[in-house]
Each structure stands twice: as C-alpha cells, then as structure tokens.
C-alpha atoms as a PDB file:
ATOM      1  CA  UNK A   1      -0.034   0.480   0.513  1.00  0.00           C
ATOM      2  CA  UNK A   2       0.814   3.926  -0.139  1.00  0.00           C
ATOM      3  CA  UNK A   3       2.594   4.665   2.825  1.00  0.00           C
ATOM      4  CA  UNK A   4      -0.178   7.203   4.222  1.00  0.00           C
ATOM      5  CA  UNK A   5      -0.431  11.150   3.921  1.00  0.00           C
ATOM      6  CA  UNK A   6      -1.228  13.318   7.040  1.00  0.00           C
ATOM      7  CA  UNK A   7      -4.389  15.005   6.542  1.00  0.00           C
ATOM      8  CA  UNK A   8      -2.966  18.393   5.575  1.00  0.00           C
ATOM      9  CA  UNK A   9      -0.754  16.986   2.742  1.00  0.00           C
ATOM     10  CA  UNK A  10      -3.709  15.285   1.596  1.00  0.00           C
ATOM     11  CA  UNK A  11      -6.357  18.632   1.164  1.00  0.00           C
ATOM     12  CA  UNK A  12      -2.603  20.194   0.245  1.00  0.00           C
ATOM     13  CA  UNK A  13      -2.519  18.114  -3.217  1.00  0.00           C
ATOM     14  CA  UNK A  14      -6.362  17.925  -2.710  1.00  0.00           C
ATOM     15  CA  UNK A  15      -6.596  21.547  -3.729  1.00  0.00           C
ATOM     16  CA  UNK A  16      -3.680  21.702  -6.037  1.00  0.00           C
ATOM     17  CA  UNK A  17      -5.633  19.623  -8.393  1.00  0.00           C
ATOM     18  CA  UNK A  18      -8.855  20.932  -8.046  1.00  0.00           C
ATOM     19  CA  UNK A  19      -7.051  24.426  -8.834  1.00  0.00           C
ATOM     20  CA  UNK A  20      -5.412  22.566 -12.033  1.00  0.00           C
ATOM     21  CA  UNK A  21      -8.591  21.264 -13.437  1.00  0.00           C
ATOM     22  CA  UNK A  22     -10.993  24.097 -12.750  1.00  0.00           C
ATOM     23  CA  UNK A  23      -9.437  27.346 -12.369  1.00  0.00           C
ATOM     24  CA  UNK A  24      -5.595  26.706 -14.520  1.00  0.00           C
ATOM     25  CA  UNK A  25      -5.776  30.849 -15.482  1.00  0.00           C
ATOM     26  CA  UNK A  26      -4.681  30.735 -10.963  1.00  0.00           C
ATOM     27  CA  UNK A  27      -2.295  27.553 -10.624  1.00  0.00           C
ATOM     28  CA  UNK A  28       0.578  27.025  -9.643  1.00  0.00           C
ATOM     29  CA  UNK A  29      -0.699  28.748  -6.759  1.00  0.00           C
ATOM     30  CA  UNK A  30       1.386  30.956  -3.738  1.00  0.00           C
ATOM     31  CA  UNK A  31       0.968  29.828   0.001  1.00  0.00           C
ATOM     32  CA  UNK A  32      -0.892  32.050   0.646  1.00  0.00           C
ATOM     33  CA  UNK A  33      -3.774  31.040  -2.022  1.00  0.00           C
ATOM     34  CA  UNK A  34      -3.029  27.077  -1.372  1.00  0.00           C
ATOM     35  CA  UNK A  35      -4.108  28.331   2.112  1.00  0.00           C
ATOM     36  CA  UNK A  36      -7.807  30.144   1.455  1.00  0.00           C
ATOM     37  CA  UNK A  37      -7.818  26.930  -1.148  1.00  0.00           C
ATOM     38  CA  UNK A  38      -7.831  24.520   1.982  1.00  0.00           C
ATOM     39  CA  UNK A  39      -9.352  26.424   4.329  1.00  0.00           C
ATOM     40  CA  UNK A  40     -12.535  27.120   1.551  1.00  0.00           C
ATOM     41  CA  UNK A  41     -16.226  25.885   3.264  1.00  0.00           C
ATOM     42  CA  UNK A  42     -17.727  24.870   0.258  1.00  0.00           C
ATOM     43  CA  UNK A  43     -16.664  22.151  -1.697  1.00  0.00           C
ATOM     44  CA  UNK A  44     -15.016  20.986   1.307  1.00  0.00           C
ATOM     45  CA  UNK A  45     -15.341  18.179   4.014  1.00  0.00           C
ATOM     46  CA  UNK A  46     -14.112  17.895   6.747  1.00  0.00           C
ATOM     47  CA  UNK A  47     -14.347  22.544   6.540  1.00  0.00           C
ATOM     48  CA  UNK A  48     -11.026  23.308   8.175  1.00  0.00           C
ATOM     49  CA  UNK A  49      -9.008  26.570   9.256  1.00  0.00           C
ATOM     50  CA  UNK A  50      -4.790  25.706   8.403  1.00  0.00           C
ATOM     51  CA  UNK A  51      -2.925  28.241   9.588  1.00  0.00           C
ATOM     52  CA  UNK A  52      -0.033  28.660   6.883  1.00  0.00           C
ATOM     53  CA  UNK A  53       2.546  26.770   9.076  1.00  0.00           C
ATOM     54  CA  UNK A  54       0.329  23.581   8.497  1.00  0.00           C
ATOM     55  CA  UNK A  55       0.096  24.305   4.884  1.00  0.00           C
ATOM     56  CA  UNK A  56       3.235  24.174   5.218  1.00  0.00           C
ATOM     57  CA  UNK A  57       4.081  21.347   6.843  1.00  0.00           C
ATOM     58  CA  UNK A  58       1.890  19.635   4.107  1.00  0.00           C
ATOM     59  CA  UNK A  59       4.406  20.452   1.607  1.00  0.00           C
ATOM     60  CA  UNK A  60       7.453  19.001   2.785  1.00  0.00           C
ATOM     61  CA  UNK A  61       5.320  16.061   3.133  1.00  0.00           C
ATOM     62  CA  UNK A  62       4.448  15.931  -0.651  1.00  0.00           C
ATOM     63  CA  UNK A  63       8.006  17.469  -0.976  1.00  0.00           C
ATOM     64  CA  UNK A  64       9.934  14.123   0.270  1.00  0.00           C
ATOM     65  CA  UNK A  65       7.347  11.628  -1.302  1.00  0.00           C
ATOM     66  CA  UNK A  66       7.456  14.026  -4.729  1.00  0.00           C
ATOM     67  CA  UNK A  67       4.128  14.815  -5.171  1.00  0.00           C
ATOM     68  CA  UNK A  68       4.846  18.841  -5.604  1.00  0.00           C
ATOM     69  CA  UNK A  69       7.339  21.069  -7.288  1.00  0.00           C
ATOM     70  CA  UNK A  70       8.758  24.688  -6.796  1.00  0.00           C
ATOM     71  CA  UNK A  71       7.978  26.584  -9.724  1.00  0.00           C
ATOM     72  CA  UNK A  72      10.052  29.845 -10.873  1.00  0.00           C
ATOM     73  CA  UNK A  73       9.049  32.818 -12.706  1.00  0.00           C
ATOM     74  CA  UNK A  74      10.863  35.586 -13.741  1.00  0.00           C
ATOM     75  CA  UNK A  75      10.952  38.900 -11.941  1.00  0.00           C
ATOM     76  CA  UNK A  76       8.280  36.766  -9.242  1.00  0.00           C
ATOM     77  CA  UNK A  77       8.562  37.238  -5.623  1.00  0.00           C
ATOM     78  CA  UNK A  78       6.878  34.632  -4.390  1.00  0.00           C
ATOM     79  CA  UNK A  79       6.937  31.553  -4.094  1.00  0.00           C
ATOM     80  CA  UNK A  80       4.439  28.817  -5.746  1.00  0.00           C
ATOM     81  CA  UNK A  81       3.731  25.280  -5.838  1.00  0.00           C
ATOM     82  CA  UNK A  82       2.204  22.961  -8.793  1.00  0.00           C
ATOM     83  CA  UNK A  83       1.615  19.183  -7.364  1.00  0.00           C
ATOM     84  CA  UNK A  84       3.624  16.687  -9.768  1.00  0.00           C
ATOM     85  CA  UNK A  85       0.421  13.599  -9.440  1.00  0.00           C
ATOM     86  CA  UNK A  86       0.580  12.940 -13.227  1.00  0.00           C
ATOM     87  CA  UNK A  87       3.705  12.504 -13.559  1.00  0.00           C
ATOM     88  CA  UNK A  88       4.848  10.433 -10.511  1.00  0.00           C
ATOM     89  CA  UNK A  89       1.840   7.901 -10.085  1.00  0.00           C
ATOM     90  CA  UNK A  90       1.023   8.524 -14.025  1.00  0.00           C
ATOM     91  CA  UNK A  91      -2.236   9.994 -13.799  1.00  0.00           C
ATOM     92  CA  UNK A  92      -5.015  11.239 -16.874  1.00  0.00           C
ATOM     93  CA  UNK A  93      -6.595  14.664 -15.998  1.00  0.00           C
ATOM     94  CA  UNK A  94      -9.965  12.496 -15.726  1.00  0.00           C
ATOM     95  CA  UNK A  95      -8.226  10.291 -12.787  1.00  0.00           C
ATOM     96  CA  UNK A  96      -6.922  13.392 -10.997  1.00  0.00           C
ATOM     97  CA  UNK A  97     -10.620  14.662 -11.390  1.00  0.00           C
ATOM     98  CA  UNK A  98     -12.092  11.729  -9.560  1.00  0.00           C
ATOM     99  CA  UNK A  99      -9.396  12.031  -7.029  1.00  0.00           C
ATOM    100  CA  UNK A 100      -9.528  15.743  -6.764  1.00  0.00           C
ATOM    101  CA  UNK A 101     -13.027  14.946  -5.063  1.00  0.00           C
ATOM    102  CA  UNK A 102     -12.550  12.334  -2.747  1.00  0.00           C
ATOM    103  CA  UNK A 103      -9.355  14.039  -1.458  1.00  0.00           C
ATOM    104  CA  UNK A 104     -11.771  17.442  -0.908  1.00  0.00           C
ATOM    105  CA  UNK A 105     -14.870  15.879   0.106  1.00  0.00           C
ATOM    106  CA  UNK A 106     -14.069  12.229   1.450  1.00  0.00           C
ATOM    107  CA  UNK A 107     -16.129   9.315   0.377  1.00  0.00           C
ATOM    108  CA  UNK A 108     -19.027  10.027  -2.472  1.00  0.00           C
ATOM    109  CA  UNK A 109     -21.196   7.563  -4.713  1.00  0.00           C
ATOM    110  CA  UNK A 110     -20.131   7.237  -7.897  1.00  0.00           C
ATOM    111  CA  UNK A 111     -23.082   9.720  -8.839  1.00  0.00           C
ATOM    112  CA  UNK A 112     -22.034  12.137  -6.317  1.00  0.00           C
ATOM    113  CA  UNK A 113     -18.650  11.957  -8.582  1.00  0.00           C
ATOM    114  CA  UNK A 114     -19.939  12.410 -11.351  1.00  0.00           C
ATOM    115  CA  UNK A 115     -21.880  15.414 -10.667  1.00  0.00           C
ATOM    116  CA  UNK A 116     -18.938  16.787  -8.140  1.00  0.00           C
ATOM    117  CA  UNK A 117     -16.469  16.800 -11.307  1.00  0.00           C
ATOM    118  CA  UNK A 118     -18.094  18.760 -13.633  1.00  0.00           C
ATOM    119  CA  UNK A 119     -16.036  21.582 -13.292  1.00  0.00           C
ATOM    120  CA  UNK A 120     -12.762  19.666 -13.770  1.00  0.00           C
ATOM    121  CA  UNK A 121     -13.782  16.843 -16.072  1.00  0.00           C
ATOM    122  CA  UNK A 122     -16.684  16.039 -18.722  1.00  0.00           C
ATOM    123  CA  UNK A 123     -17.961  12.238 -18.008  1.00  0.00           C
ATOM    124  CA  UNK A 124     -20.689  11.164 -20.171  1.00  0.00           C
ATOM    125  CA  UNK A 125     -22.151   8.746 -18.585  1.00  0.00           C
ATOM    126  CA  UNK A 126     -22.634   7.130 -15.093  1.00  0.00           C
ATOM    127  CA  UNK A 127     -20.575   4.011 -16.431  1.00  0.00           C
ATOM    128  CA  UNK A 128     -17.887   6.402 -17.617  1.00  0.00           C
ATOM    129  CA  UNK A 129     -16.983   7.306 -14.531  1.00  0.00           C
ATOM    130  CA  UNK A 130     -17.165   4.128 -13.146  1.00  0.00           C
ATOM    131  CA  UNK A 131     -14.586   3.176 -15.792  1.00  0.00           C
ATOM    132  CA  UNK A 132     -12.251   5.902 -14.033  1.00  0.00           C
ATOM    133  CA  UNK A 133     -12.877   4.911 -10.900  1.00  0.00           C
ATOM    134  CA  UNK A 134     -11.964   0.923 -11.829  1.00  0.00           C
ATOM    135  CA  UNK A 135      -8.482   1.990 -13.030  1.00  0.00           C
ATOM    136  CA  UNK A 136      -7.900   3.977 -10.299  1.00  0.00           C
ATOM    137  CA  UNK A 137      -8.844   0.277  -8.160  1.00  0.00           C
ATOM    138  CA  UNK A 138      -7.101  -1.824 -10.514  1.00  0.00           C
ATOM    139  CA  UNK A 139      -3.528  -0.093 -10.108  1.00  0.00           C
ATOM    140  CA  UNK A 140      -0.728  -1.700  -8.737  1.00  0.00           C
ATOM    141  CA  UNK A 141      -1.287   0.075  -5.756  1.00  0.00           C
ATOM    142  CA  UNK A 142      -4.834   1.126  -5.794  1.00  0.00           C
ATOM    143  CA  UNK A 143      -5.609   4.561  -5.143  1.00  0.00           C
ATOM    144  CA  UNK A 144      -9.718   4.181  -4.096  1.00  0.00           C
ATOM    145  CA  UNK A 145     -11.494   1.350  -2.682  1.00  0.00           C
ATOM    146  CA  UNK A 146     -15.214   0.637  -2.515  1.00  0.00           C
ATOM    147  CA  UNK A 147     -16.207   0.741   0.756  1.00  0.00           C
ATOM    148  CA  UNK A 148     -19.752  -1.656   2.547  1.00  0.00           C
ATOM    149  CA  UNK A 149     -22.974  -0.362   1.924  1.00  0.00           C
ATOM    150  CA  UNK A 150     -24.793   1.407   4.739  1.00  0.00           C
ATOM    151  CA  UNK A 151     -27.925   0.415   6.636  1.00  0.00           C
ATOM    152  CA  UNK A 152     -30.474   3.027   5.162  1.00  0.00           C
ATOM    153  CA  UNK A 153     -28.965   3.740   1.678  1.00  0.00           C
ATOM    154  CA  UNK A 154     -28.755   2.870  -1.636  1.00  0.00           C
ATOM    155  CA  UNK A 155     -25.532   3.686  -2.985  1.00  0.00           C
ATOM    156  CA  UNK A 156     -22.486   2.334  -2.086  1.00  0.00           C
ATOM    157  CA  UNK A 157     -19.693   5.146  -1.629  1.00  0.00           C
ATOM    158  CA  UNK A 158     -15.729   5.381  -2.697  1.00  0.00           C
ATOM    159  CA  UNK A 159     -12.900   6.428  -0.746  1.00  0.00           C
ATOM    160  CA  UNK A 160      -9.672   7.365  -1.754  1.00  0.00           C
ATOM    161  CA  UNK A 161      -6.833   5.713  -0.340  1.00  0.00           C
ATOM    162  CA  UNK A 162      -3.779   8.444   0.241  1.00  0.00           C
ATOM    163  CA  UNK A 163      -4.785   8.371   3.932  1.00  0.00           C
ATOM    164  CA  UNK A 164      -3.540   4.592   4.515  1.00  0.00           C
ATOM    165  CA  UNK A 165      -5.296   0.974   4.375  1.00  0.00           C
ATOM    166  CA  UNK A 166      -8.687   0.868   5.286  1.00  0.00           C
ATOM    167  CA  UNK A 167     -10.006  -2.128   6.798  1.00  0.00           C
ATOM    168  CA  UNK A 168     -12.862  -3.211   5.701  1.00  0.00           C
ATOM    169  CA  UNK A 169     -14.276  -6.043   7.326  1.00  0.00           C
ATOM    170  CA  UNK A 170     -14.577  -4.069  10.357  1.00  0.00           C
ATOM    171  CA  UNK A 171     -16.343  -1.693   8.608  1.00  0.00           C
ATOM    172  CA  UNK A 172     -18.809  -4.551   7.266  1.00  0.00           C
ATOM    173  CA  UNK A 173     -19.233  -5.147  10.780  1.00  0.00           C
ATOM    174  CA  UNK A 174     -20.227  -2.830  12.128  1.00  0.00           C
ATOM    175  CA  UNK A 175     -22.663  -2.391   8.972  1.00  0.00           C
ATOM    176  CA  UNK A 176     -23.786  -6.309   9.880  1.00  0.00           C
ATOM    177  CA  UNK A 177     -24.644  -4.714  13.210  1.00  0.00           C
ATOM    178  CA  UNK A 178     -26.025  -1.927  12.674  1.00  0.00           C
ATOM    179  CA  UNK A 179     -28.749  -3.467  10.319  1.00  0.00           C
ATOM    180  CA  UNK A 180     -29.706  -6.213  12.668  1.00  0.00           C
ATOM    181  CA  UNK A 181     -29.746  -3.109  15.469  1.00  0.00           C
ATOM    182  CA  UNK A 182     -32.460  -1.913  12.874  1.00  0.00           C
ATOM    183  CA  UNK A 183     -34.420  -5.082  12.328  1.00  0.00           C
ATOM    184  CA  UNK A 184     -34.220  -5.585  15.929  1.00  0.00           C
ATOM    185  CA  UNK A 185     -36.312  -2.276  16.501  1.00  0.00           C
ATOM    186  CA  UNK A 186     -38.814  -2.902  14.214  1.00  0.00           C
ATOM    187  CA  UNK A 187     -39.313  -6.216  15.607  1.00  0.00           C
ATOM    188  CA  UNK A 188     -40.355  -5.165  18.757  1.00  0.00           C
ATOM    189  CA  UNK A 189     -41.775  -1.751  17.556  1.00  0.00           C
ATOM    190  CA  UNK A 190     -44.511  -4.500  15.967  1.00  0.00           C
ATOM    191  CA  UNK A 191     -44.795  -7.171  19.117  1.00  0.00           C
ATOM    192  CA  UNK A 192     -45.539  -3.734  20.983  1.00  0.00           C
ATOM    193  CA  UNK A 193     -48.172  -2.563  18.003  1.00  0.00           C
ATOM    194  CA  UNK A 194     -50.042  -5.753  17.913  1.00  0.00           C
ATOM    195  CA  UNK A 195     -49.546  -6.246  22.263  1.00  0.00           C
ATOM    196  CA  UNK A 196     -51.419  -2.737  21.938  1.00  0.00           C
ATOM    197  CA  UNK A 197     -54.158  -3.762  19.424  1.00  0.00           C
ATOM    198  CA  UNK A 198     -54.837  -6.833  22.052  1.00  0.00           C
ATOM    199  CA  UNK A 199     -54.948  -5.075  25.007  1.00  0.00           C
ATOM    200  CA  UNK A 200     -57.393  -2.046  23.465  1.00  0.00           C
ATOM    201  CA  UNK A 201     -59.155  -5.549  21.855  1.00  0.00           C
ATOM    202  CA  UNK A 202     -59.256  -7.029  25.583  1.00  0.00           C
ATOM    203  CA  UNK A 203     -61.026  -3.843  27.282  1.00  0.00           C
ATOM    204  CA  UNK A 204     -63.883  -3.671  24.857  1.00  0.00           C
ATOM    205  CA  UNK A 205     -65.057  -6.796  25.117  1.00  0.00           C
ATOM    206  CA  UNK A 206     -64.861  -6.345  29.206  1.00  0.00           C
ATOM    207  CA  UNK A 207     -66.909  -3.463  28.398  1.00  0.00           C
ATOM    208  CA  UNK A 208     -69.914  -5.509  26.321  1.00  0.00           C
ATOM    209  CA  UNK A 209     -69.251  -7.757  29.420  1.00  0.00           C
ATOM    210  CA  UNK A 210     -70.026  -5.230  31.647  1.00  0.00           C
ATOM    211  CA  UNK A 211     -72.858  -3.447  30.245  1.00  0.00           C
ATOM    212  CA  UNK A 212     -75.270  -5.897  30.247  1.00  0.00           C
ATOM    213  CA  UNK A 213     -75.560  -6.630  34.177  1.00  0.00           C
ATOM    214  CA  UNK A 214     -76.220  -2.591  34.190  1.00  0.00           C
END
C-alpha cells in the first residue's frame, strides 16, 4: 500500500489538483492562495482552518514523496507550487479529477463523483465515471476502494486510499450490526403494536360484558 499522507498533505494536493483543472489561470498557487483553498468553506469535508505553517507542513511532506514541485517565474517574488501527481503516479486528467473530489470531500457515490467533477472533467455517463474508478482501484497500488453499503443507503461510496489502508472487515461488521439493531428495533415495535391491539380488544370485550349487568 501507498505510505499514508497526513490530513494536511491530502488537503494540499487535493486543492492543487482541483485548481489545476478548474481554474488554470490561478495555477500554480502561492502559499497564501493554497492556504485559502484549503480553508474554503464550500466543496470541502471537513471544513478546516489551517494556518500557513500547517499548509507548509503538508507541502514539505509532499516534497518528500515527490508529489509537489516549486515554480520559479522570472521577476516573481512569491514562491508558487504545483502538484506532481500526473508525473509521479501516471494519472490522466479524468483520474485526477475523480481523486480530487475524494480528497476534498471524503467518500462519495459514483453519482456524486460524476456531478461534482463537472468543472474539472466531462464524464458522459455513470458508466464512464465507473470506468475511471475501476482504473484507480485496479492499479498495482490501488488509490480508491469501495466501502461496504451502509444501512439505509441505496448506493455504496468510494473512498481514496492516500490516508492509508481501510479496514473493510471492520466496516462490514459495523454495518451488519447496525442492520441487525435496526431490524431488532423494528421487530420490537411490531410486537408492541400487536400487544396494544390485543389490549384494546380485551378492553372493548370487557366493556361489552359489563354493560350486560348495568
């Protein structure tokens, strides 16, 4: 498995990929713009409030993994940064777009991924989105995994693996326990309703019997 990245590094590389694809005029990014992108309140889960020092920590971590690079522009006083995910991991534009959504928003369904990559990639269908996800899953070092279906949900969600391996067995056991608990609660509720109905019938029968002696 890929060596896990910290939350700061994950947010930084997610922002860099997003900005590269959605607003190329503002890419590469300065430390200040990168910090603002990390702390953006929309399209982020969780919402964070990183200081520049924390963003710098994420940058340094990515540098060690060769997932980020510096850009030197003639006459520029401010240092700028670009990701190196395409070169280092060999990812297509569509694969980067999908990965950015998962890095910045957490686990998503295929439908959510398709709709939320609208500004960064043009997926013609859910099948096309699923094809990209399969490519990310079937790599020698997988970058995404499908999570067990949660109780009450119609679709399973996809999660990135840059933060480390996911204990799928534990998640499956938790989902099974939740389903059993919900089923038990439903069964108990039905038994209570049945007892109430029987009690009501007994009360009515007793009232009828007592009325005969009045």
